[in-house]
N, C-alpha and C. Protein backbone atom coordinates (compact mmCIF):
# COMPACT_ATOMS: atom_id res chain seq x y z
N MET A 1 0.84 -1.16 0.00
CA MET A 1 0.00 0.00 0.00
C MET A 1 0.90 1.23 0.00
N LEU A 2 0.52 2.21 -0.76
CA LEU A 2 1.28 3.45 -0.85
C LEU A 2 1.01 4.30 0.37
N THR A 3 2.02 4.99 0.78
CA THR A 3 1.87 5.94 1.88
C THR A 3 1.85 7.34 1.29
N PRO A 4 1.40 8.33 2.04
CA PRO A 4 1.42 9.70 1.53
C PRO A 4 2.84 10.15 1.20
N ARG A 5 3.80 9.68 1.93
CA ARG A 5 5.22 10.03 1.66
C ARG A 5 5.65 9.49 0.29
N ASP A 6 5.18 8.26 -0.02
CA ASP A 6 5.52 7.68 -1.33
C ASP A 6 4.98 8.56 -2.45
N ILE A 7 3.79 9.11 -2.24
CA ILE A 7 3.22 9.97 -3.27
C ILE A 7 4.03 11.25 -3.37
N ASP A 8 4.42 11.83 -2.23
CA ASP A 8 5.22 13.07 -2.25
C ASP A 8 6.57 12.85 -2.94
N ARG A 9 7.22 11.78 -2.78
CA ARG A 9 8.57 11.55 -3.28
C ARG A 9 8.59 10.99 -4.71
N LYS A 10 7.42 10.65 -5.19
CA LYS A 10 7.38 10.06 -6.53
C LYS A 10 7.86 11.08 -7.57
N GLU A 11 8.80 10.66 -8.36
CA GLU A 11 9.31 11.52 -9.43
C GLU A 11 9.04 10.84 -10.76
N PHE A 12 8.66 11.64 -11.69
CA PHE A 12 8.37 11.14 -13.03
C PHE A 12 9.48 11.57 -13.99
N LYS A 13 9.70 10.81 -15.00
CA LYS A 13 10.68 11.17 -16.03
C LYS A 13 10.08 12.24 -16.92
N ARG A 14 10.98 13.05 -17.43
CA ARG A 14 10.51 14.12 -18.27
C ARG A 14 10.38 13.64 -19.70
N ALA A 15 9.27 14.07 -20.23
CA ALA A 15 9.06 13.72 -21.63
C ALA A 15 8.84 15.01 -22.43
N VAL A 16 9.00 14.90 -23.70
CA VAL A 16 8.93 16.08 -24.55
C VAL A 16 7.49 16.60 -24.58
N ARG A 17 6.67 15.78 -24.77
CA ARG A 17 5.29 16.27 -24.87
C ARG A 17 4.55 15.96 -23.57
N GLY A 18 4.99 16.27 -22.48
CA GLY A 18 4.39 15.93 -21.19
C GLY A 18 3.46 17.01 -20.69
N TYR A 19 2.97 16.80 -19.51
CA TYR A 19 2.04 17.72 -18.86
C TYR A 19 2.80 18.85 -18.23
N ASN A 20 2.06 19.88 -17.86
CA ASN A 20 2.67 21.03 -17.20
C ASN A 20 3.09 20.55 -15.81
N MET A 21 4.32 20.75 -15.53
CA MET A 21 4.92 20.24 -14.28
C MET A 21 4.28 20.87 -13.06
N ASP A 22 3.96 22.15 -13.09
CA ASP A 22 3.37 22.81 -11.92
C ASP A 22 1.97 22.24 -11.65
N ASP A 23 1.21 22.03 -12.72
CA ASP A 23 -0.13 21.47 -12.54
C ASP A 23 -0.05 20.05 -11.97
N VAL A 24 0.90 19.27 -12.48
CA VAL A 24 1.05 17.88 -12.01
C VAL A 24 1.47 17.90 -10.54
N GLU A 25 2.43 18.74 -10.20
CA GLU A 25 2.91 18.78 -8.81
C GLU A 25 1.82 19.28 -7.87
N THR A 26 1.04 20.26 -8.29
CA THR A 26 -0.06 20.77 -7.47
C THR A 26 -1.10 19.67 -7.27
N PHE A 27 -1.43 18.98 -8.37
CA PHE A 27 -2.41 17.89 -8.27
C PHE A 27 -1.89 16.75 -7.38
N LEU A 28 -0.61 16.41 -7.56
CA LEU A 28 -0.01 15.37 -6.72
C LEU A 28 -0.03 15.79 -5.25
N MET A 29 0.17 17.06 -5.01
CA MET A 29 0.15 17.57 -3.64
C MET A 29 -1.26 17.39 -3.06
N GLU A 30 -2.28 17.73 -3.81
CA GLU A 30 -3.67 17.56 -3.36
C GLU A 30 -3.99 16.08 -3.10
N ILE A 31 -3.53 15.25 -4.06
CA ILE A 31 -3.77 13.80 -3.89
C ILE A 31 -3.06 13.30 -2.63
N SER A 32 -1.83 13.77 -2.44
CA SER A 32 -1.05 13.35 -1.28
C SER A 32 -1.74 13.76 0.01
N GLU A 33 -2.25 14.98 0.07
CA GLU A 33 -2.93 15.44 1.28
C GLU A 33 -4.21 14.64 1.52
N SER A 34 -5.00 14.44 0.46
CA SER A 34 -6.23 13.66 0.58
C SER A 34 -5.92 12.23 0.98
N TYR A 35 -4.89 11.68 0.33
CA TYR A 35 -4.51 10.31 0.64
C TYR A 35 -3.99 10.21 2.07
N GLU A 36 -3.25 11.22 2.52
CA GLU A 36 -2.72 11.23 3.88
C GLU A 36 -3.88 11.26 4.89
N GLU A 37 -4.87 12.07 4.60
CA GLU A 37 -6.03 12.14 5.48
C GLU A 37 -6.75 10.79 5.52
N LEU A 38 -6.96 10.19 4.35
CA LEU A 38 -7.60 8.88 4.29
C LEU A 38 -6.75 7.81 4.99
N TYR A 39 -5.45 7.92 4.84
CA TYR A 39 -4.54 6.98 5.46
C TYR A 39 -4.64 7.07 6.99
N ARG A 40 -4.67 8.31 7.51
CA ARG A 40 -4.79 8.50 8.96
C ARG A 40 -6.15 7.98 9.46
N GLU A 41 -7.19 8.30 8.72
CA GLU A 41 -8.51 7.81 9.09
C GLU A 41 -8.54 6.27 9.09
N ASN A 42 -7.89 5.69 8.10
CA ASN A 42 -7.82 4.23 8.01
C ASN A 42 -7.08 3.64 9.23
N LEU A 43 -5.93 4.27 9.60
CA LEU A 43 -5.18 3.81 10.77
C LEU A 43 -6.03 3.94 12.04
N ALA A 44 -6.71 5.09 12.17
CA ALA A 44 -7.57 5.30 13.34
C ALA A 44 -8.69 4.29 13.37
N ALA A 45 -9.28 4.02 12.19
CA ALA A 45 -10.36 3.03 12.11
C ALA A 45 -9.84 1.65 12.47
N LYS A 46 -8.62 1.30 12.01
CA LYS A 46 -8.05 -0.01 12.34
C LYS A 46 -7.81 -0.12 13.85
N GLU A 47 -7.29 0.99 14.44
CA GLU A 47 -7.08 0.97 15.90
C GLU A 47 -8.42 0.83 16.64
N ARG A 48 -9.41 1.57 16.15
CA ARG A 48 -10.73 1.49 16.78
C ARG A 48 -11.32 0.10 16.62
N ILE A 49 -11.17 -0.47 15.44
CA ILE A 49 -11.66 -1.84 15.20
C ILE A 49 -10.96 -2.81 16.14
N ALA A 50 -9.64 -2.63 16.32
CA ALA A 50 -8.90 -3.52 17.23
C ALA A 50 -9.42 -3.37 18.66
N LEU A 51 -9.64 -2.11 19.09
CA LEU A 51 -10.17 -1.88 20.44
C LEU A 51 -11.56 -2.49 20.60
N LEU A 52 -12.41 -2.25 19.58
CA LEU A 52 -13.76 -2.79 19.65
C LEU A 52 -13.75 -4.33 19.61
N SER A 53 -12.85 -4.86 18.80
CA SER A 53 -12.73 -6.32 18.74
C SER A 53 -12.30 -6.87 20.09
N GLU A 54 -11.36 -6.17 20.73
CA GLU A 54 -10.91 -6.60 22.06
C GLU A 54 -12.05 -6.48 23.07
N ALA A 55 -12.84 -5.38 22.97
CA ALA A 55 -13.98 -5.20 23.87
C ALA A 55 -15.01 -6.29 23.65
N VAL A 56 -15.27 -6.63 22.38
CA VAL A 56 -16.22 -7.71 22.07
C VAL A 56 -15.74 -9.01 22.67
N THR A 57 -14.44 -9.27 22.57
CA THR A 57 -13.87 -10.50 23.14
C THR A 57 -14.07 -10.50 24.66
N GLN A 58 -13.83 -9.34 25.28
CA GLN A 58 -14.03 -9.24 26.74
C GLN A 58 -15.50 -9.46 27.10
N TYR A 59 -16.40 -8.84 26.31
CA TYR A 59 -17.82 -9.00 26.59
C TYR A 59 -18.27 -10.44 26.40
N LYS A 60 -17.72 -11.07 25.37
CA LYS A 60 -18.07 -12.49 25.16
C LYS A 60 -17.56 -13.33 26.33
N SER A 61 -16.37 -13.00 26.81
CA SER A 61 -15.82 -13.71 27.97
C SER A 61 -16.69 -13.46 29.20
N MET A 62 -17.10 -12.19 29.38
CA MET A 62 -17.96 -11.86 30.51
C MET A 62 -19.32 -12.56 30.37
N GLU A 63 -19.82 -12.60 29.14
CA GLU A 63 -21.09 -13.26 28.90
C GLU A 63 -21.00 -14.74 29.27
N GLU A 64 -19.92 -15.37 28.87
CA GLU A 64 -19.71 -16.78 29.19
C GLU A 64 -19.60 -16.98 30.71
N THR A 65 -18.87 -16.06 31.35
CA THR A 65 -18.73 -16.13 32.81
C THR A 65 -20.09 -15.95 33.49
N LEU A 66 -20.88 -14.97 32.97
CA LEU A 66 -22.20 -14.75 33.54
C LEU A 66 -23.12 -15.95 33.31
N LYS A 67 -23.03 -16.56 32.14
CA LYS A 67 -23.84 -17.76 31.87
C LYS A 67 -23.47 -18.86 32.85
N ASN A 68 -22.16 -19.04 33.05
CA ASN A 68 -21.71 -20.07 33.99
C ASN A 68 -22.18 -19.75 35.42
N ALA A 69 -22.04 -18.46 35.79
CA ALA A 69 -22.47 -18.05 37.13
C ALA A 69 -23.97 -18.25 37.30
N LEU A 70 -24.73 -17.91 36.26
CA LEU A 70 -26.17 -18.10 36.30
C LEU A 70 -26.52 -19.58 36.43
N ALA A 71 -25.82 -20.42 35.67
CA ALA A 71 -26.07 -21.86 35.76
C ALA A 71 -25.74 -22.38 37.15
N VAL A 72 -24.62 -21.91 37.71
CA VAL A 72 -24.24 -22.33 39.07
C VAL A 72 -25.28 -21.84 40.08
N ALA A 73 -25.71 -20.59 39.92
CA ALA A 73 -26.71 -20.03 40.84
C ALA A 73 -28.03 -20.80 40.73
N GLN A 74 -28.41 -21.14 39.52
CA GLN A 74 -29.64 -21.91 39.31
C GLN A 74 -29.53 -23.27 39.97
N ARG A 75 -28.38 -23.92 39.79
CA ARG A 75 -28.15 -25.24 40.38
C ARG A 75 -28.14 -25.14 41.91
N ASP A 76 -27.45 -24.10 42.41
CA ASP A 76 -27.41 -23.90 43.86
C ASP A 76 -28.80 -23.60 44.41
N GLY A 77 -29.56 -22.79 43.68
CA GLY A 77 -30.93 -22.49 44.10
C GLY A 77 -31.79 -23.75 44.15
N ASP A 78 -31.65 -24.59 43.12
CA ASP A 78 -32.40 -25.86 43.11
C ASP A 78 -31.96 -26.74 44.27
N ASP A 79 -30.65 -26.78 44.52
CA ASP A 79 -30.14 -27.59 45.64
C ASP A 79 -30.67 -27.05 46.96
N MET A 80 -30.71 -25.70 47.09
CA MET A 80 -31.21 -25.11 48.34
C MET A 80 -32.70 -25.41 48.52
N LYS A 81 -33.47 -25.33 47.43
CA LYS A 81 -34.89 -25.65 47.51
C LYS A 81 -35.07 -27.10 47.94
N LYS A 82 -34.30 -27.98 47.32
CA LYS A 82 -34.40 -29.41 47.64
C LYS A 82 -34.03 -29.64 49.11
N ALA A 83 -32.94 -29.01 49.55
CA ALA A 83 -32.51 -29.17 50.95
C ALA A 83 -33.57 -28.61 51.89
N ALA A 84 -34.16 -27.46 51.53
CA ALA A 84 -35.19 -26.85 52.38
C ALA A 84 -36.42 -27.76 52.45
N ARG A 85 -36.82 -28.35 51.32
CA ARG A 85 -37.96 -29.27 51.33
C ARG A 85 -37.66 -30.47 52.21
N GLU A 86 -36.44 -31.03 52.06
CA GLU A 86 -36.07 -32.19 52.86
C GLU A 86 -36.06 -31.83 54.34
N GLU A 87 -35.53 -30.65 54.67
CA GLU A 87 -35.50 -30.22 56.07
C GLU A 87 -36.92 -30.01 56.60
N ALA A 88 -37.78 -29.40 55.78
CA ALA A 88 -39.17 -29.19 56.19
C ALA A 88 -39.85 -30.54 56.41
N ASP A 89 -39.63 -31.49 55.49
CA ASP A 89 -40.21 -32.83 55.65
C ASP A 89 -39.71 -33.48 56.93
N ALA A 90 -38.41 -33.33 57.21
CA ALA A 90 -37.84 -33.92 58.43
C ALA A 90 -38.45 -33.27 59.67
N ILE A 91 -38.64 -31.96 59.64
CA ILE A 91 -39.24 -31.26 60.77
C ILE A 91 -40.67 -31.73 60.98
N ILE A 92 -41.41 -31.87 59.89
CA ILE A 92 -42.80 -32.34 59.98
C ILE A 92 -42.84 -33.76 60.53
N ARG A 93 -41.95 -34.64 60.02
CA ARG A 93 -41.91 -36.02 60.52
C ARG A 93 -41.60 -36.03 62.01
N ASP A 94 -40.61 -35.24 62.40
CA ASP A 94 -40.21 -35.17 63.81
C ASP A 94 -41.36 -34.65 64.67
N ALA A 95 -42.05 -33.61 64.17
CA ALA A 95 -43.18 -33.06 64.92
C ALA A 95 -44.30 -34.09 65.06
N LYS A 96 -44.55 -34.85 63.99
CA LYS A 96 -45.59 -35.88 64.06
C LYS A 96 -45.21 -36.95 65.07
N ILE A 97 -43.94 -37.35 65.06
CA ILE A 97 -43.49 -38.38 66.01
C ILE A 97 -43.64 -37.86 67.43
N ARG A 98 -43.19 -36.61 67.66
CA ARG A 98 -43.31 -36.05 69.01
C ARG A 98 -44.77 -35.90 69.42
N ALA A 99 -45.62 -35.50 68.46
CA ALA A 99 -47.05 -35.36 68.77
C ALA A 99 -47.66 -36.72 69.12
N GLU A 100 -47.29 -37.75 68.35
CA GLU A 100 -47.81 -39.09 68.63
C GLU A 100 -47.33 -39.57 70.01
N GLU A 101 -46.06 -39.29 70.32
CA GLU A 101 -45.54 -39.68 71.64
C GLU A 101 -46.28 -38.93 72.74
N GLU A 102 -46.53 -37.64 72.52
CA GLU A 102 -47.25 -36.84 73.52
C GLU A 102 -48.68 -37.34 73.67
N ILE A 103 -49.32 -37.67 72.55
CA ILE A 103 -50.68 -38.20 72.60
C ILE A 103 -50.69 -39.53 73.35
N SER A 104 -49.71 -40.37 73.07
CA SER A 104 -49.62 -41.65 73.76
C SER A 104 -49.42 -41.44 75.26
N ARG A 105 -48.53 -40.52 75.61
CA ARG A 105 -48.27 -40.24 77.02
C ARG A 105 -49.53 -39.71 77.70
N LEU A 106 -50.20 -38.76 77.04
CA LEU A 106 -51.41 -38.19 77.62
C LEU A 106 -52.54 -39.23 77.71
N SER A 107 -52.63 -40.10 76.71
CA SER A 107 -53.64 -41.16 76.74
C SER A 107 -53.38 -42.09 77.92
N TYR A 108 -52.11 -42.42 78.12
CA TYR A 108 -51.75 -43.28 79.25
C TYR A 108 -52.11 -42.60 80.57
N GLN A 109 -51.77 -41.31 80.68
CA GLN A 109 -52.12 -40.58 81.90
C GLN A 109 -53.63 -40.52 82.10
N TYR A 110 -54.37 -40.33 81.00
CA TYR A 110 -55.82 -40.28 81.08
C TYR A 110 -56.37 -41.61 81.56
N GLU A 111 -55.85 -42.71 80.99
CA GLU A 111 -56.29 -44.04 81.42
C GLU A 111 -55.97 -44.26 82.89
N GLN A 112 -54.77 -43.81 83.32
CA GLN A 112 -54.39 -43.96 84.72
C GLN A 112 -55.36 -43.16 85.60
N MET A 113 -55.72 -41.95 85.17
CA MET A 113 -56.66 -41.14 85.93
C MET A 113 -58.02 -41.82 85.99
N GLN A 114 -58.46 -42.38 84.87
CA GLN A 114 -59.74 -43.07 84.85
C GLN A 114 -59.73 -44.25 85.83
N ARG A 115 -58.62 -45.00 85.83
CA ARG A 115 -58.50 -46.12 86.76
C ARG A 115 -58.54 -45.61 88.20
N SER A 116 -57.82 -44.51 88.45
CA SER A 116 -57.81 -43.95 89.81
C SER A 116 -59.20 -43.50 90.22
N VAL A 117 -59.93 -42.86 89.30
CA VAL A 117 -61.30 -42.41 89.60
C VAL A 117 -62.19 -43.62 89.87
N GLU A 118 -62.06 -44.67 89.05
CA GLU A 118 -62.86 -45.88 89.25
C GLU A 118 -62.54 -46.51 90.59
N LEU A 119 -61.25 -46.58 90.92
CA LEU A 119 -60.84 -47.15 92.20
C LEU A 119 -61.39 -46.30 93.35
N PHE A 120 -61.30 -44.98 93.19
CA PHE A 120 -61.83 -44.08 94.23
C PHE A 120 -63.33 -44.28 94.38
N ARG A 121 -64.05 -44.34 93.25
CA ARG A 121 -65.50 -44.57 93.29
C ARG A 121 -65.82 -45.88 94.01
N ALA A 122 -65.06 -46.92 93.64
CA ALA A 122 -65.30 -48.22 94.26
C ALA A 122 -65.06 -48.14 95.77
N LYS A 123 -64.02 -47.45 96.20
CA LYS A 123 -63.74 -47.31 97.62
C LYS A 123 -64.83 -46.52 98.32
N VAL A 124 -65.28 -45.43 97.66
CA VAL A 124 -66.35 -44.61 98.24
C VAL A 124 -67.62 -45.43 98.37
N VAL A 125 -67.96 -46.19 97.30
CA VAL A 125 -69.16 -47.03 97.34
C VAL A 125 -69.04 -48.07 98.44
N SER A 126 -67.87 -48.68 98.54
CA SER A 126 -67.64 -49.68 99.58
C SER A 126 -67.77 -49.05 100.96
N LEU A 127 -67.19 -47.88 101.14
CA LEU A 127 -67.27 -47.17 102.41
C LEU A 127 -68.71 -46.81 102.74
N LEU A 128 -69.44 -46.31 101.74
CA LEU A 128 -70.85 -45.96 101.96
C LEU A 128 -71.66 -47.19 102.32
N ASN A 129 -71.43 -48.30 101.62
CA ASN A 129 -72.15 -49.54 101.93
C ASN A 129 -71.83 -50.01 103.34
N ALA A 130 -70.54 -49.90 103.73
CA ALA A 130 -70.16 -50.30 105.09
C ALA A 130 -70.85 -49.41 106.11
N GLN A 131 -70.91 -48.11 105.83
CA GLN A 131 -71.58 -47.19 106.75
C GLN A 131 -73.07 -47.50 106.83
N LEU A 132 -73.67 -47.85 105.69
CA LEU A 132 -75.09 -48.21 105.68
C LEU A 132 -75.32 -49.48 106.49
N ASP A 133 -74.41 -50.44 106.35
CA ASP A 133 -74.52 -51.67 107.13
C ASP A 133 -74.44 -51.37 108.62
N ILE A 134 -73.53 -50.48 108.99
CA ILE A 134 -73.38 -50.11 110.41
C ILE A 134 -74.66 -49.44 110.90
N ILE A 135 -75.20 -48.55 110.09
CA ILE A 135 -76.43 -47.85 110.48
C ILE A 135 -77.57 -48.85 110.64
N LYS A 136 -77.68 -49.81 109.72
CA LYS A 136 -78.74 -50.82 109.79
C LYS A 136 -78.56 -51.67 111.05
N GLU A 137 -77.32 -51.95 111.38
CA GLU A 137 -77.00 -52.82 112.53
C GLU A 137 -77.45 -52.17 113.84
N TYR A 138 -77.28 -50.90 113.96
CA TYR A 138 -77.62 -50.22 115.23
C TYR A 138 -79.12 -49.97 115.37
N GLY A 139 -79.81 -49.98 114.32
CA GLY A 139 -81.25 -49.80 114.41
C GLY A 139 -81.63 -48.37 114.68
N GLU A 140 -82.80 -48.22 115.38
CA GLU A 140 -83.35 -46.91 115.64
C GLU A 140 -82.64 -46.26 116.82
N PRO A 141 -82.41 -44.96 116.78
CA PRO A 141 -81.80 -44.28 117.92
C PRO A 141 -82.79 -44.15 119.08
N GLU A 142 -82.27 -44.17 120.30
CA GLU A 142 -83.10 -44.03 121.50
C GLU A 142 -83.11 -42.58 121.93
N PRO A 143 -84.15 -42.20 122.71
CA PRO A 143 -84.21 -40.81 123.16
C PRO A 143 -83.06 -40.50 124.11
N VAL A 144 -82.58 -39.29 124.05
CA VAL A 144 -81.44 -38.86 124.85
C VAL A 144 -81.94 -37.88 125.91
N ALA A 145 -81.43 -38.05 127.16
CA ALA A 145 -81.84 -37.16 128.23
C ALA A 145 -80.91 -35.97 128.25
N VAL A 146 -81.50 -34.77 128.36
CA VAL A 146 -80.71 -33.55 128.37
C VAL A 146 -81.00 -32.86 129.70
N PRO A 147 -79.98 -32.54 130.51
CA PRO A 147 -80.25 -31.87 131.78
C PRO A 147 -80.77 -30.45 131.54
N VAL A 148 -81.67 -30.02 132.42
CA VAL A 148 -82.25 -28.69 132.30
C VAL A 148 -81.49 -27.78 133.24
N MET A 149 -81.17 -26.63 132.80
CA MET A 149 -80.42 -25.66 133.59
C MET A 149 -81.40 -24.93 134.51
N PRO A 150 -80.99 -24.72 135.79
CA PRO A 150 -81.88 -23.98 136.68
C PRO A 150 -81.99 -22.53 136.25
N GLN A 151 -83.06 -21.90 136.74
CA GLN A 151 -83.26 -20.52 136.38
C GLN A 151 -82.33 -19.61 137.15
N LYS A 152 -81.99 -20.03 138.34
CA LYS A 152 -81.06 -19.24 139.11
C LYS A 152 -79.71 -19.93 139.01
N PRO A 153 -78.72 -19.25 138.63
CA PRO A 153 -77.44 -19.91 138.45
C PRO A 153 -76.84 -20.45 139.73
N GLU A 154 -77.20 -19.92 140.92
CA GLU A 154 -76.56 -20.39 142.14
C GLU A 154 -77.16 -21.69 142.63
N VAL A 155 -78.39 -21.96 142.30
CA VAL A 155 -79.06 -23.13 142.86
C VAL A 155 -79.18 -24.18 141.77
N PHE A 156 -78.69 -25.36 142.09
CA PHE A 156 -78.81 -26.48 141.15
C PHE A 156 -79.83 -27.45 141.69
N GLU A 157 -80.84 -27.63 140.96
CA GLU A 157 -81.83 -28.62 141.36
C GLU A 157 -81.61 -29.85 140.53
N GLN A 158 -81.88 -30.92 141.16
CA GLN A 158 -81.75 -32.16 140.42
C GLN A 158 -83.07 -32.44 139.76
N THR A 159 -83.00 -32.66 138.46
CA THR A 159 -84.23 -32.92 137.74
C THR A 159 -84.10 -34.22 136.99
N ALA A 160 -85.22 -34.74 136.61
CA ALA A 160 -85.21 -36.01 135.85
C ALA A 160 -84.87 -35.71 134.39
N PRO A 161 -84.25 -36.65 133.74
CA PRO A 161 -83.92 -36.42 132.33
C PRO A 161 -85.18 -36.27 131.49
N VAL A 162 -85.04 -35.37 130.49
CA VAL A 162 -86.17 -35.10 129.60
C VAL A 162 -85.91 -35.85 128.31
N ALA A 163 -86.90 -36.52 127.83
CA ALA A 163 -86.74 -37.26 126.56
C ALA A 163 -87.00 -36.32 125.39
N ILE A 164 -86.09 -36.37 124.46
CA ILE A 164 -86.27 -35.56 123.25
C ILE A 164 -86.98 -36.44 122.24
N PRO A 165 -88.09 -35.97 121.74
CA PRO A 165 -88.83 -36.84 120.80
C PRO A 165 -88.02 -37.04 119.52
N VAL A 166 -88.00 -38.24 119.08
CA VAL A 166 -87.30 -38.58 117.83
C VAL A 166 -88.26 -38.30 116.70
N GLU A 167 -87.77 -37.68 115.70
CA GLU A 167 -88.61 -37.36 114.55
C GLU A 167 -89.14 -38.65 113.96
N GLU A 168 -90.02 -38.49 113.08
CA GLU A 168 -90.65 -39.62 112.44
C GLU A 168 -89.58 -40.56 111.92
N GLN A 169 -89.67 -41.79 112.30
CA GLN A 169 -88.64 -42.75 111.90
C GLN A 169 -88.98 -43.32 110.55
N SER A 170 -87.92 -43.55 109.77
CA SER A 170 -88.10 -44.06 108.41
C SER A 170 -88.22 -45.57 108.47
N THR A 171 -89.18 -46.04 107.75
CA THR A 171 -89.34 -47.49 107.68
C THR A 171 -88.75 -48.00 106.38
N GLN A 172 -88.28 -47.08 105.58
CA GLN A 172 -87.71 -47.46 104.28
C GLN A 172 -86.29 -47.93 104.50
N GLU A 173 -85.93 -49.02 103.81
CA GLU A 173 -84.58 -49.55 103.92
C GLU A 173 -83.65 -48.78 103.00
N ILE A 174 -82.40 -48.60 103.39
CA ILE A 174 -81.41 -47.90 102.57
C ILE A 174 -80.86 -48.90 101.56
N PRO A 175 -80.92 -48.56 100.27
CA PRO A 175 -80.49 -49.54 99.26
C PRO A 175 -78.97 -49.68 99.23
N GLU A 176 -78.50 -50.82 98.77
CA GLU A 176 -77.06 -51.05 98.61
C GLU A 176 -76.66 -50.52 97.24
N ILE A 177 -75.53 -49.85 97.13
CA ILE A 177 -75.07 -49.24 95.88
C ILE A 177 -74.04 -50.15 95.23
N VAL A 178 -74.23 -50.41 93.93
CA VAL A 178 -73.30 -51.29 93.19
C VAL A 178 -73.02 -50.68 91.83
N LYS A 179 -71.96 -51.19 91.20
CA LYS A 179 -71.58 -50.73 89.85
C LYS A 179 -72.29 -51.62 88.83
N ASN A 180 -72.97 -51.00 87.84
CA ASN A 180 -73.68 -51.80 86.84
C ASN A 180 -72.79 -52.09 85.63
N GLU A 181 -73.36 -52.73 84.60
CA GLU A 181 -72.61 -53.14 83.41
C GLU A 181 -72.04 -51.96 82.64
N ASP A 182 -72.71 -50.82 82.68
CA ASP A 182 -72.25 -49.63 81.96
C ASP A 182 -71.12 -48.92 82.67
N GLY A 183 -70.77 -49.37 83.87
CA GLY A 183 -69.71 -48.73 84.63
C GLY A 183 -70.22 -47.61 85.52
N ASN A 184 -71.55 -47.45 85.62
CA ASN A 184 -72.14 -46.43 86.47
C ASN A 184 -72.60 -47.07 87.78
N TYR A 185 -72.81 -46.25 88.81
CA TYR A 185 -73.24 -46.76 90.12
C TYR A 185 -74.73 -46.55 90.26
N SER A 186 -75.38 -47.56 90.81
CA SER A 186 -76.82 -47.46 91.06
C SER A 186 -77.15 -48.32 92.27
N SER A 187 -78.41 -48.20 92.74
CA SER A 187 -78.80 -48.98 93.91
C SER A 187 -79.11 -50.40 93.47
N LYS A 188 -78.79 -51.35 94.35
CA LYS A 188 -79.03 -52.77 94.05
C LYS A 188 -80.49 -53.07 94.39
N GLU A 189 -81.23 -53.65 93.45
CA GLU A 189 -82.65 -53.93 93.67
C GLU A 189 -82.92 -55.39 93.53
């Protein structure tokens, strides 16, 4: 490729019937200046193309890095979701196991309380029946004598005991209390 300097230094041989030398040199000077300007623009364009090409290479490299980072992030996100689901499932399983154990423990305590209540009821019924038997054994109460206080506190007179009338006596027998088939208590008939 010709340079502007090559155009400036170019010398032509002289011929008899040639062109006007001043016109040729002036024209060559114009061509040289125009060519020099185009040459500089071409060099600047080549430098710019090189810079842009380098930038494109960097961007492509960055794009590849970003794609890889995005793929890694996506994979990590999927792994985190999977791990979170597994952890949530484990927590739920553990909570269910603990709840079942607690229910079992409370059921056992409830059954123990029911047994204690039944035993207590049976003891109370037995005690009541024993008390009823004792009451039946003694029969009707007898009148009790109560001393009468004298009207004057200094003088004590001896008086005969006064019988306190016993209220109407019951002729009805007290029923015996037993536990029926339903587990409830009722009178034995």
